[in-house]
């Protein structure tokens, strides 16, 4: 045990995990940009009513809220990137429709991307993904998982269904 009752090995592990997660998000973002997506951080989160906590997921009422900045009590600072779920919102031009009188409509694919090194979503995250898809916030949600091919690490996208 270190000073003030902190477990030194857990502090080091937490630092390492945050650094690894941030590096993974940067790699996924760059990969999406290389595929032609316009990528931005998603600044919202899904909140479920507390009254309906015992109901099955399909019967719970949810709504979008602005993600709150996270406070780190150890560094006494706010995280600049808000913890929205999923991590990214991505746009890509899908097609153009010519309308009457010369008007043009652009069609875009809008997807959400959640970065997970192991590819595993906890039950609350799965419930949020299902709500986002059911309410047509995103056309699909991809889970970016780390995959090794030989010595190379690549991004493997799994569609949440």
C-alpha atoms as a PDB file:
ATOM      1  CA  UNK A   1       0.000   0.000   0.000  1.00  0.00           C
ATOM      2  CA  UNK A   2       1.201   3.472  -0.850  1.00  0.00           C
ATOM      3  CA  UNK A   3       0.421   6.759   0.805  1.00  0.00           C
ATOM      4  CA  UNK A   4      -3.179   7.460   1.843  1.00  0.00           C
ATOM      5  CA  UNK A   5      -4.149   3.797   1.435  1.00  0.00           C
ATOM      6  CA  UNK A   6      -3.719   3.640  -2.357  1.00  0.00           C
ATOM      7  CA  UNK A   7      -2.735   0.347  -3.881  1.00  0.00           C
ATOM      8  CA  UNK A   8       0.281   1.347  -6.004  1.00  0.00           C
ATOM      9  CA  UNK A   9      -0.076  -1.512  -8.483  1.00  0.00           C
ATOM     10  CA  UNK A  10      -3.742  -0.600  -9.134  1.00  0.00           C
ATOM     11  CA  UNK A  11      -2.830   3.052  -9.692  1.00  0.00           C
ATOM     12  CA  UNK A  12      -0.200   2.017 -12.260  1.00  0.00           C
ATOM     13  CA  UNK A  13      -2.649  -0.389 -13.910  1.00  0.00           C
ATOM     14  CA  UNK A  14      -5.328   2.319 -14.159  1.00  0.00           C
ATOM     15  CA  UNK A  15      -2.859   4.757 -15.737  1.00  0.00           C
ATOM     16  CA  UNK A  16      -1.763   2.113 -18.218  1.00  0.00           C
ATOM     17  CA  UNK A  17      -5.374   1.177 -19.097  1.00  0.00           C
ATOM     18  CA  UNK A  18      -6.366   4.828 -19.716  1.00  0.00           C
ATOM     19  CA  UNK A  19      -3.317   5.381 -21.918  1.00  0.00           C
ATOM     20  CA  UNK A  20      -3.982   2.175 -23.878  1.00  0.00           C
ATOM     21  CA  UNK A  21      -7.668   3.077 -24.331  1.00  0.00           C
ATOM     22  CA  UNK A  22      -6.818   6.574 -25.576  1.00  0.00           C
ATOM     23  CA  UNK A  23      -4.246   5.226 -28.025  1.00  0.00           C
ATOM     24  CA  UNK A  24      -6.804   2.683 -29.294  1.00  0.00           C
ATOM     25  CA  UNK A  25      -9.411   5.416 -29.850  1.00  0.00           C
ATOM     26  CA  UNK A  26      -6.869   7.465 -31.846  1.00  0.00           C
ATOM     27  CA  UNK A  27      -6.033   4.437 -34.002  1.00  0.00           C
ATOM     28  CA  UNK A  28      -9.725   3.674 -34.657  1.00  0.00           C
ATOM     29  CA  UNK A  29     -10.428   7.315 -35.520  1.00  0.00           C
ATOM     30  CA  UNK A  30      -7.552   7.391 -38.021  1.00  0.00           C
ATOM     31  CA  UNK A  31      -8.712   4.106 -39.565  1.00  0.00           C
ATOM     32  CA  UNK A  32     -12.251   5.468 -40.029  1.00  0.00           C
ATOM     33  CA  UNK A  33     -10.890   8.657 -41.625  1.00  0.00           C
ATOM     34  CA  UNK A  34      -8.823   6.537 -44.025  1.00  0.00           C
ATOM     35  CA  UNK A  35     -12.039   4.734 -45.045  1.00  0.00           C
ATOM     36  CA  UNK A  36     -13.632   8.065 -46.000  1.00  0.00           C
ATOM     37  CA  UNK A  37     -15.783   8.687 -42.918  1.00  0.00           C
ATOM     38  CA  UNK A  38     -16.160  12.118 -41.325  1.00  0.00           C
ATOM     39  CA  UNK A  39     -15.547  11.379 -37.632  1.00  0.00           C
ATOM     40  CA  UNK A  40     -16.466  13.421 -34.569  1.00  0.00           C
ATOM     41  CA  UNK A  41     -16.811  12.758 -30.858  1.00  0.00           C
ATOM     42  CA  UNK A  42     -20.341  11.923 -29.758  1.00  0.00           C
ATOM     43  CA  UNK A  43     -21.240  14.219 -26.868  1.00  0.00           C
ATOM     44  CA  UNK A  44     -24.505  12.592 -25.765  1.00  0.00           C
ATOM     45  CA  UNK A  45     -25.482   9.679 -23.612  1.00  0.00           C
ATOM     46  CA  UNK A  46     -28.635   7.620 -23.067  1.00  0.00           C
ATOM     47  CA  UNK A  47     -30.336   7.886 -19.690  1.00  0.00           C
ATOM     48  CA  UNK A  48     -33.094   5.557 -18.560  1.00  0.00           C
ATOM     49  CA  UNK A  49     -35.892   6.541 -16.153  1.00  0.00           C
ATOM     50  CA  UNK A  50     -35.184   5.490 -12.586  1.00  0.00           C
ATOM     51  CA  UNK A  51     -38.883   4.599 -12.105  1.00  0.00           C
ATOM     52  CA  UNK A  52     -38.653   1.808 -14.673  1.00  0.00           C
ATOM     53  CA  UNK A  53     -35.481   0.147 -13.352  1.00  0.00           C
ATOM     54  CA  UNK A  54     -37.207  -3.217 -12.748  1.00  0.00           C
ATOM     55  CA  UNK A  55     -38.931  -3.368 -16.144  1.00  0.00           C
ATOM     56  CA  UNK A  56     -37.523  -5.383 -19.042  1.00  0.00           C
ATOM     57  CA  UNK A  57     -35.195  -3.359 -21.341  1.00  0.00           C
ATOM     58  CA  UNK A  58     -37.729  -3.092 -24.182  1.00  0.00           C
ATOM     59  CA  UNK A  59     -40.282  -1.456 -21.849  1.00  0.00           C
ATOM     60  CA  UNK A  60     -37.926   1.093 -20.237  1.00  0.00           C
ATOM     61  CA  UNK A  61     -38.179   4.751 -21.167  1.00  0.00           C
ATOM     62  CA  UNK A  62     -34.919   6.336 -22.252  1.00  0.00           C
ATOM     63  CA  UNK A  63     -33.849   9.713 -23.555  1.00  0.00           C
ATOM     64  CA  UNK A  64     -30.725  11.452 -24.817  1.00  0.00           C
ATOM     65  CA  UNK A  65     -28.852  13.737 -22.450  1.00  0.00           C
ATOM     66  CA  UNK A  66     -25.660  15.741 -22.862  1.00  0.00           C
ATOM     67  CA  UNK A  67     -22.708  13.754 -21.560  1.00  0.00           C
ATOM     68  CA  UNK A  68     -21.217  15.260 -18.441  1.00  0.00           C
ATOM     69  CA  UNK A  69     -17.531  16.068 -18.143  1.00  0.00           C
ATOM     70  CA  UNK A  70     -15.844  13.588 -15.848  1.00  0.00           C
ATOM     71  CA  UNK A  71     -14.010  14.804 -12.762  1.00  0.00           C
ATOM     72  CA  UNK A  72     -10.812  13.031 -11.763  1.00  0.00           C
ATOM     73  CA  UNK A  73     -10.374  13.459  -7.990  1.00  0.00           C
ATOM     74  CA  UNK A  74      -6.742  12.308  -8.111  1.00  0.00           C
ATOM     75  CA  UNK A  75      -5.543  14.931 -10.595  1.00  0.00           C
ATOM     76  CA  UNK A  76      -8.253  17.378  -9.472  1.00  0.00           C
ATOM     77  CA  UNK A  77      -9.194  18.169 -13.057  1.00  0.00           C
ATOM     78  CA  UNK A  78     -12.018  17.672 -15.522  1.00  0.00           C
ATOM     79  CA  UNK A  79     -11.637  15.340 -18.484  1.00  0.00           C
ATOM     80  CA  UNK A  80     -11.830  17.433 -21.627  1.00  0.00           C
ATOM     81  CA  UNK A  81     -13.367  14.707 -23.747  1.00  0.00           C
ATOM     82  CA  UNK A  82     -16.828  14.053 -22.439  1.00  0.00           C
ATOM     83  CA  UNK A  83     -17.747  10.451 -21.899  1.00  0.00           C
ATOM     84  CA  UNK A  84     -20.494  10.078 -24.482  1.00  0.00           C
ATOM     85  CA  UNK A  85     -21.750   6.714 -25.619  1.00  0.00           C
ATOM     86  CA  UNK A  86     -20.835   5.576 -28.232  1.00  0.00           C
ATOM     87  CA  UNK A  87     -17.396   7.156 -28.671  1.00  0.00           C
ATOM     88  CA  UNK A  88     -17.783   8.468 -32.224  1.00  0.00           C
ATOM     89  CA  UNK A  89     -20.442   9.594 -34.673  1.00  0.00           C
ATOM     90  CA  UNK A  90     -19.461   9.076 -38.314  1.00  0.00           C
ATOM     91  CA  UNK A  91     -20.932  10.445 -41.557  1.00  0.00           C
ATOM     92  CA  UNK A  92     -20.356   9.352 -45.132  1.00  0.00           C
ATOM     93  CA  UNK A  93     -22.005  10.585 -48.314  1.00  0.00           C
ATOM     94  CA  UNK A  94     -24.096   7.714 -49.640  1.00  0.00           C
ATOM     95  CA  UNK A  95     -25.812   9.254 -52.640  1.00  0.00           C
ATOM     96  CA  UNK A  96     -27.401  12.287 -54.247  1.00  0.00           C
ATOM     97  CA  UNK A  97     -31.036  12.649 -55.277  1.00  0.00           C
ATOM     98  CA  UNK A  98     -32.021  15.148 -57.946  1.00  0.00           C
ATOM     99  CA  UNK A  99     -35.387  16.722 -57.113  1.00  0.00           C
ATOM    100  CA  UNK A 100     -37.708  18.871 -59.177  1.00  0.00           C
ATOM    101  CA  UNK A 101     -36.745  22.520 -59.866  1.00  0.00           C
ATOM    102  CA  UNK A 102     -33.032  21.737 -59.647  1.00  0.00           C
ATOM    103  CA  UNK A 103     -32.901  21.002 -55.911  1.00  0.00           C
ATOM    104  CA  UNK A 104     -30.453  18.352 -54.759  1.00  0.00           C
ATOM    105  CA  UNK A 105     -30.680  16.202 -51.619  1.00  0.00           C
ATOM    106  CA  UNK A 106     -27.620  14.485 -50.202  1.00  0.00           C
ATOM    107  CA  UNK A 107     -28.042  11.112 -48.512  1.00  0.00           C
ATOM    108  CA  UNK A 108     -25.665  10.285 -45.666  1.00  0.00           C
ATOM    109  CA  UNK A 109     -24.939   7.155 -43.677  1.00  0.00           C
ATOM    110  CA  UNK A 110     -24.772   8.003 -39.976  1.00  0.00           C
ATOM    111  CA  UNK A 111     -23.207   5.395 -37.713  1.00  0.00           C
ATOM    112  CA  UNK A 112     -21.985   5.197 -34.129  1.00  0.00           C
ATOM    113  CA  UNK A 113     -18.648   3.590 -33.240  1.00  0.00           C
ATOM    114  CA  UNK A 114     -17.703   2.316 -29.785  1.00  0.00           C
ATOM    115  CA  UNK A 115     -14.024   1.484 -29.216  1.00  0.00           C
ATOM    116  CA  UNK A 116     -13.395  -1.581 -27.077  1.00  0.00           C
ATOM    117  CA  UNK A 117     -10.031  -3.343 -27.081  1.00  0.00           C
ATOM    118  CA  UNK A 118     -11.597  -6.710 -26.217  1.00  0.00           C
ATOM    119  CA  UNK A 119     -14.840  -6.079 -28.137  1.00  0.00           C
ATOM    120  CA  UNK A 120     -17.051  -6.758 -25.097  1.00  0.00           C
ATOM    121  CA  UNK A 121     -19.954  -4.477 -24.142  1.00  0.00           C
ATOM    122  CA  UNK A 122     -21.407  -4.696 -20.643  1.00  0.00           C
ATOM    123  CA  UNK A 123     -25.197  -5.176 -20.293  1.00  0.00           C
ATOM    124  CA  UNK A 124     -25.898  -1.464 -19.751  1.00  0.00           C
ATOM    125  CA  UNK A 125     -23.950  -0.560 -22.913  1.00  0.00           C
ATOM    126  CA  UNK A 126     -25.815  -3.214 -24.914  1.00  0.00           C
ATOM    127  CA  UNK A 127     -29.111  -1.774 -23.679  1.00  0.00           C
ATOM    128  CA  UNK A 128     -28.016   1.742 -24.719  1.00  0.00           C
ATOM    129  CA  UNK A 129     -26.991   0.485 -28.179  1.00  0.00           C
ATOM    130  CA  UNK A 130     -30.357  -1.194 -28.648  1.00  0.00           C
ATOM    131  CA  UNK A 131     -32.181   2.003 -27.607  1.00  0.00           C
ATOM    132  CA  UNK A 132     -30.118   4.111 -30.047  1.00  0.00           C
ATOM    133  CA  UNK A 133     -30.930   1.736 -32.910  1.00  0.00           C
ATOM    134  CA  UNK A 134     -34.618   1.378 -31.988  1.00  0.00           C
ATOM    135  CA  UNK A 135     -35.036   5.164 -31.904  1.00  0.00           C
ATOM    136  CA  UNK A 136     -33.197   5.551 -35.238  1.00  0.00           C
ATOM    137  CA  UNK A 137     -30.444   7.792 -33.830  1.00  0.00           C
ATOM    138  CA  UNK A 138     -27.897   5.719 -35.802  1.00  0.00           C
ATOM    139  CA  UNK A 139     -28.423   3.440 -38.785  1.00  0.00           C
ATOM    140  CA  UNK A 140     -25.949   0.991 -37.215  1.00  0.00           C
ATOM    141  CA  UNK A 141     -23.430   0.831 -34.390  1.00  0.00           C
ATOM    142  CA  UNK A 142     -20.004  -0.705 -34.873  1.00  0.00           C
ATOM    143  CA  UNK A 143     -17.814  -2.107 -32.107  1.00  0.00           C
ATOM    144  CA  UNK A 144     -14.117  -1.530 -32.895  1.00  0.00           C
ATOM    145  CA  UNK A 145     -12.145  -4.484 -31.536  1.00  0.00           C
ATOM    146  CA  UNK A 146      -8.402  -5.075 -31.557  1.00  0.00           C
ATOM    147  CA  UNK A 147      -7.264  -7.957 -33.754  1.00  0.00           C
ATOM    148  CA  UNK A 148      -3.726  -9.262 -34.258  1.00  0.00           C
ATOM    149  CA  UNK A 149      -2.550 -10.515 -37.610  1.00  0.00           C
ATOM    150  CA  UNK A 150       0.970 -11.727 -37.074  1.00  0.00           C
ATOM    151  CA  UNK A 151       2.812  -8.815 -35.472  1.00  0.00           C
ATOM    152  CA  UNK A 152       0.409  -6.229 -36.816  1.00  0.00           C
ATOM    153  CA  UNK A 153      -2.586  -4.899 -34.860  1.00  0.00           C
ATOM    154  CA  UNK A 154      -5.636  -4.052 -36.992  1.00  0.00           C
ATOM    155  CA  UNK A 155      -9.087  -2.715 -36.259  1.00  0.00           C
ATOM    156  CA  UNK A 156     -11.851  -5.308 -36.544  1.00  0.00           C
ATOM    157  CA  UNK A 157     -15.370  -3.841 -36.768  1.00  0.00           C
ATOM    158  CA  UNK A 158     -18.265  -5.887 -35.458  1.00  0.00           C
ATOM    159  CA  UNK A 159     -21.829  -4.750 -36.185  1.00  0.00           C
ATOM    160  CA  UNK A 160     -23.992  -4.536 -33.055  1.00  0.00           C
ATOM    161  CA  UNK A 161     -27.204  -6.454 -33.697  1.00  0.00           C
END
